[in-house]
Protein backbone atom coordinates (compact mmCIF):
# COMPACT_ATOMS: atom_id res chain seq x y z
CA ARG A 1 0.00 0.00 0.00
CA ASN A 2 0.92 3.66 -0.23
CA ASN A 3 -0.13 6.97 1.33
CA LEU A 4 -0.36 5.45 4.82
CA GLY A 5 0.30 7.00 8.23
CA GLY A 6 2.88 5.89 10.72
CA CYS A 7 4.55 6.53 14.07
CA GLY A 8 6.66 4.90 16.75
CA THR A 9 10.26 3.72 16.73
CA GLN A 10 12.36 1.26 14.71
CA THR A 11 11.63 -1.56 17.18
CA ASP A 12 8.08 -0.50 18.10
CA GLY A 13 6.52 0.84 14.91
CA LEU A 14 2.93 1.40 13.83
CA VAL A 15 1.39 1.96 10.39
CA PHE A 16 -2.26 2.56 9.50
CA GLY A 17 -4.57 3.30 6.60
CA GLY A 18 -3.40 3.79 3.01
CA GLU A 19 -4.30 2.59 -0.46
CA THR A 20 -3.67 -0.96 -1.68
CA ALA A 21 -4.68 -0.36 -5.30
CA PRO A 22 -6.12 2.60 -7.21
CA GLY A 23 -9.41 3.42 -5.53
CA THR A 24 -9.02 0.81 -2.76
CA ILE A 25 -8.53 2.73 0.48
CA VAL A 26 -8.06 0.66 3.65
CA GLY A 27 -8.06 1.06 7.43
CA ASP A 28 -5.53 -1.71 8.11
CA THR A 29 -3.23 -1.33 11.12
CA GLU A 30 0.06 -3.19 11.63
CA GLU A 31 2.64 -3.20 14.42
CA TYR A 32 6.38 -3.79 13.94
CA ASN A 33 8.62 -5.26 16.66
CA GLY A 34 11.95 -4.74 14.93
CA SER A 35 11.61 -8.00 13.01
CA THR A 36 8.03 -8.84 12.06
CA TRP A 37 4.78 -7.07 11.20
CA SER A 38 1.53 -8.20 12.89
CA GLU A 39 -2.09 -7.32 12.05
CA GLN A 40 -4.07 -5.26 14.55
CA ASN A 41 -7.53 -3.71 14.71
CA ASN A 42 -8.42 -1.37 11.86
CA LEU A 43 -8.96 2.36 11.97
CA ASN A 44 -12.61 3.32 12.49
CA THR A 45 -12.45 5.67 9.49
CA THR A 46 -10.95 4.09 6.37
CA ARG A 47 -8.62 6.61 4.69
CA ASN A 48 -5.31 7.38 3.04
CA LYS A 49 -3.06 10.47 2.76
CA LEU A 50 -3.32 10.83 6.56
CA ALA A 51 -0.75 11.86 9.15
CA GLY A 52 0.27 10.29 12.42
CA CYS A 53 2.39 10.72 15.53
CA GLY A 54 3.00 9.09 18.89
CA THR A 55 4.09 5.60 19.87
CA GLN A 56 2.98 2.03 19.24
CA THR A 57 0.92 2.01 22.43
CA ALA A 58 -0.24 5.64 22.25
CA GLY A 59 -0.63 6.59 18.61
CA LEU A 60 -2.58 9.34 16.91
CA ALA A 61 -4.03 9.37 13.36
CA PHE A 62 -5.51 12.53 11.86
CA GLY A 63 -6.86 13.98 8.64
CA GLY A 64 -6.65 12.22 5.30
CA GLU A 65 -8.70 11.33 2.25
CA VAL A 66 -11.81 9.18 2.57
CA PRO A 67 -13.69 7.29 -0.16
CA PRO A 68 -15.02 8.24 -2.51
CA ALA A 69 -11.96 10.29 -3.47
CA PRO A 70 -11.22 13.14 -3.30
CA GLY A 71 -13.18 13.61 -0.07
CA LYS A 72 -11.14 14.90 2.85
CA THR A 73 -11.64 14.45 6.59
CA ALA A 74 -10.72 16.18 9.85
CA ASP A 75 -11.22 12.94 11.82
CA SER A 76 -8.77 12.03 14.62
CA GLU A 77 -8.33 8.66 16.28
CA GLU A 78 -6.23 7.48 19.23
CA TYR A 79 -4.55 4.05 19.44
CA ASP A 80 -3.90 2.32 22.78
CA GLY A 81 -1.79 -0.59 21.55
CA SER A 82 -4.86 -2.61 20.61
CA SER A 83 -7.78 -0.55 19.33
CA TRP A 84 -8.60 2.85 17.85
CA THR A 85 -11.06 5.23 19.53
CA GLU A 86 -12.49 8.45 18.19
CA GLY A 87 -10.94 11.72 19.34
CA ASN A 88 -11.93 15.31 18.63
CA ASN A 89 -11.54 16.44 15.04
CA LEU A 90 -9.00 18.79 13.55
CA ASN A 91 -10.31 22.33 13.12
CA THR A 92 -9.22 22.32 9.47
CA VAL A 93 -10.31 19.55 7.07
CA ARG A 94 -7.26 18.45 5.04
CA ASP A 95 -5.00 15.65 3.88
CA GLN A 96 -1.33 15.21 2.87
CA MET A 97 -0.11 17.12 5.97
CA GLY A 98 2.91 16.73 8.22
CA GLY A 99 2.75 15.36 11.75
CA ALA A 100 4.96 15.38 14.84
CA GLY A 101 4.84 14.79 18.59
CA ILE A 102 3.05 12.33 20.84
CA GLN A 103 -0.59 11.45 21.50
CA THR A 104 -0.94 14.04 24.29
CA ALA A 105 1.20 16.70 22.58
CA GLY A 106 0.69 16.30 18.84
CA LEU A 107 1.23 18.64 15.91
CA ALA A 108 -0.42 18.84 12.47
CA PHE A 109 0.81 21.25 9.79
CA GLY A 110 0.46 22.06 6.11
CA GLY A 111 -1.41 19.80 3.71
CA GLN A 112 -4.15 20.26 1.15
CA LEU A 113 -7.56 21.81 1.77
CA PRO A 114 -10.67 20.83 -0.18
CA PRO A 115 -10.84 20.84 -3.08
CA ASN A 116 -7.11 21.40 -3.73
CA ALA A 117 -5.73 24.58 -2.06
CA MET A 118 -2.41 24.49 -0.18
CA SER A 119 -2.62 24.90 3.60
CA ASN A 120 -0.12 26.52 5.97
CA ALA A 121 -2.29 25.89 9.05
CA THR A 122 -0.78 24.52 12.27
CA GLU A 123 -2.74 22.77 15.01
CA GLU A 124 -1.65 21.43 18.39
CA TYR A 125 -3.28 18.45 20.16
CA ASP A 126 -3.30 18.14 23.97
CA GLY A 127 -4.73 14.63 24.18
CA THR A 128 -8.30 15.91 23.95
CA SER A 129 -8.70 18.82 21.55
CA TRP A 130 -6.94 20.54 18.64
CA THR A 131 -6.16 24.26 18.90
CA SER A 132 -4.83 26.54 16.17
CA GLY A 133 -1.19 27.62 16.29
CA ASN A 134 0.79 30.06 14.18
CA ASN A 135 0.93 29.30 10.46
CA MET A 136 3.85 27.92 8.49
CA GLY A 137 5.63 30.37 6.21
CA THR A 138 4.81 28.32 3.10
CA GLY A 139 1.65 26.31 2.56
CA ARG A 140 2.48 22.94 0.99
CA ARG A 141 1.57 19.28 0.93
CA LEU A 142 3.38 15.93 0.99
CA MET A 143 6.32 17.24 3.04
CA GLY A 144 8.48 15.28 5.46
CA GLY A 145 7.83 16.09 9.11
CA GLY A 146 8.81 14.92 12.57
CA GLY A 147 10.13 15.82 16.00
CA ILE A 148 8.09 16.87 19.02
CA GLN A 149 5.45 19.58 19.53
CA THR A 150 8.03 22.08 20.81
CA SER A 151 10.82 21.11 18.38
CA ALA A 152 9.37 20.00 15.05
CA PHE A 153 10.39 20.27 11.41
CA GLY A 154 8.67 20.30 8.03
CA ALA A 155 10.87 19.82 4.97
CA GLY A 156 10.37 19.70 1.21
CA GLY A 157 6.91 18.98 -0.14
CA TYR A 158 4.93 20.13 -3.14
CA VAL A 159 3.24 23.41 -4.02
CA ASP A 160 0.74 23.30 -6.88
CA GLY A 161 2.00 25.60 -9.61
CA SER A 162 5.55 25.69 -8.19
CA GLY A 163 6.45 22.00 -7.92
CA ASN A 164 8.88 20.31 -5.51
CA GLN A 165 10.26 22.32 -2.60
CA THR A 166 13.60 22.38 -0.73
CA ALA A 167 12.45 24.65 2.12
CA THR A 168 12.72 23.51 5.74
CA GLU A 169 10.82 25.17 8.57
CA GLU A 170 11.40 24.63 12.28
CA TYR A 171 8.70 24.93 14.98
CA ASP A 172 9.56 25.86 18.57
CA GLY A 173 6.13 25.34 20.07
CA THR A 174 4.95 28.80 19.05
CA ASN A 175 6.42 29.95 15.74
CA TRP A 176 7.85 28.56 12.52
CA THR A 177 11.23 29.85 11.32
CA ALA A 178 13.20 29.11 8.15
CA GLY A 179 15.86 26.41 8.39
CA GLY A 180 18.41 24.97 5.97
CA ALA A 181 17.31 23.90 2.49
CA LEU A 182 17.19 20.24 1.41
CA ILE A 183 19.87 19.23 -1.08
CA SER A 184 17.23 17.63 -3.34
CA ALA A 185 13.80 19.22 -3.90
CA ARG A 186 11.19 16.47 -3.50
CA HIS A 187 7.83 15.46 -2.10
CA GLY A 188 6.20 12.34 -0.69
CA MET A 189 9.24 11.29 1.30
CA GLY A 190 9.46 9.45 4.57
CA ALA A 191 10.73 11.34 7.60
CA ALA A 192 11.80 10.71 11.17
CA GLY A 193 13.57 12.50 13.98
CA THR A 194 13.55 13.34 17.67
CA SER A 195 13.68 17.13 17.19
CA ASN A 196 14.36 19.82 14.62
CA THR A 197 18.08 19.38 15.26
CA ALA A 198 18.12 15.61 14.63
CA ALA A 199 16.02 14.81 11.57
CA LEU A 200 16.01 12.42 8.63
CA VAL A 201 14.19 12.33 5.28
CA PHE A 202 14.36 9.52 2.73
CA GLY A 203 12.86 8.44 -0.58
CA GLY A 204 10.14 10.44 -2.28
CA HIS A 205 9.69 11.89 -5.74
CA LEU A 206 11.88 14.47 -7.47
CA GLY A 207 10.72 14.05 -11.06
CA SER A 208 11.41 10.33 -10.71
CA PHE A 209 11.33 8.10 -7.67
CA SER A 210 14.23 8.65 -5.29
CA ALA A 211 16.18 6.52 -2.81
CA LEU A 212 18.13 9.51 -1.44
CA THR A 213 18.55 9.97 2.32
CA GLU A 214 19.41 13.28 3.99
CA GLY A 215 20.11 14.05 7.64
CA TYR A 216 19.63 17.40 9.40
CA ASP A 217 21.53 18.84 12.35
CA GLY A 218 19.39 21.93 12.85
CA THR A 219 21.38 23.97 10.35
CA THR A 220 22.35 21.93 7.30
CA TRP A 221 21.13 18.87 5.41
CA SER A 222 23.81 16.37 4.36
């Protein structure tokens, strides 16, 4: 499948949702233990192009595209290591956004609004409700994102009419500021990191599919 959400660590990972074939959107959830994937209970709302954050036993899924495409949702769900339960919705309906943080201190940013406008909106989750934060400098979708609510990053992505982006923005819990530019402009990449000074992006699309990996130290991508 593609366009799925994920969170956790290399030895305690979680993936959910996605698309198995054109037009076939799923709610499947799988856990990874560092060696093997195992099936778990599905999302309540089947969707793809969603974002996620948190851990394998305290995950958060939010936003995305629901069938029939191109419907978008603001739905949020919390995972307890076994099952998904409904949480309060995002304030802004969107998909293809970035995510960071944990289940009780989550962050959603960027993405695509219905029907297809770029979003620069930021929202913070406290374990119960989403509240609006200060906007990103550049609205975009399909960026790489990670870190924690008070030290997050959003890198690359796609802007309709402008194409692939190299821009990185760093979030300090209040404001976004410009960071170092990616070496390779691209969108749809995977991302990970513990903060906006220890980040990683990999894969994606830069005119053709890419296997490139870049690491970030808070100043420069290498």
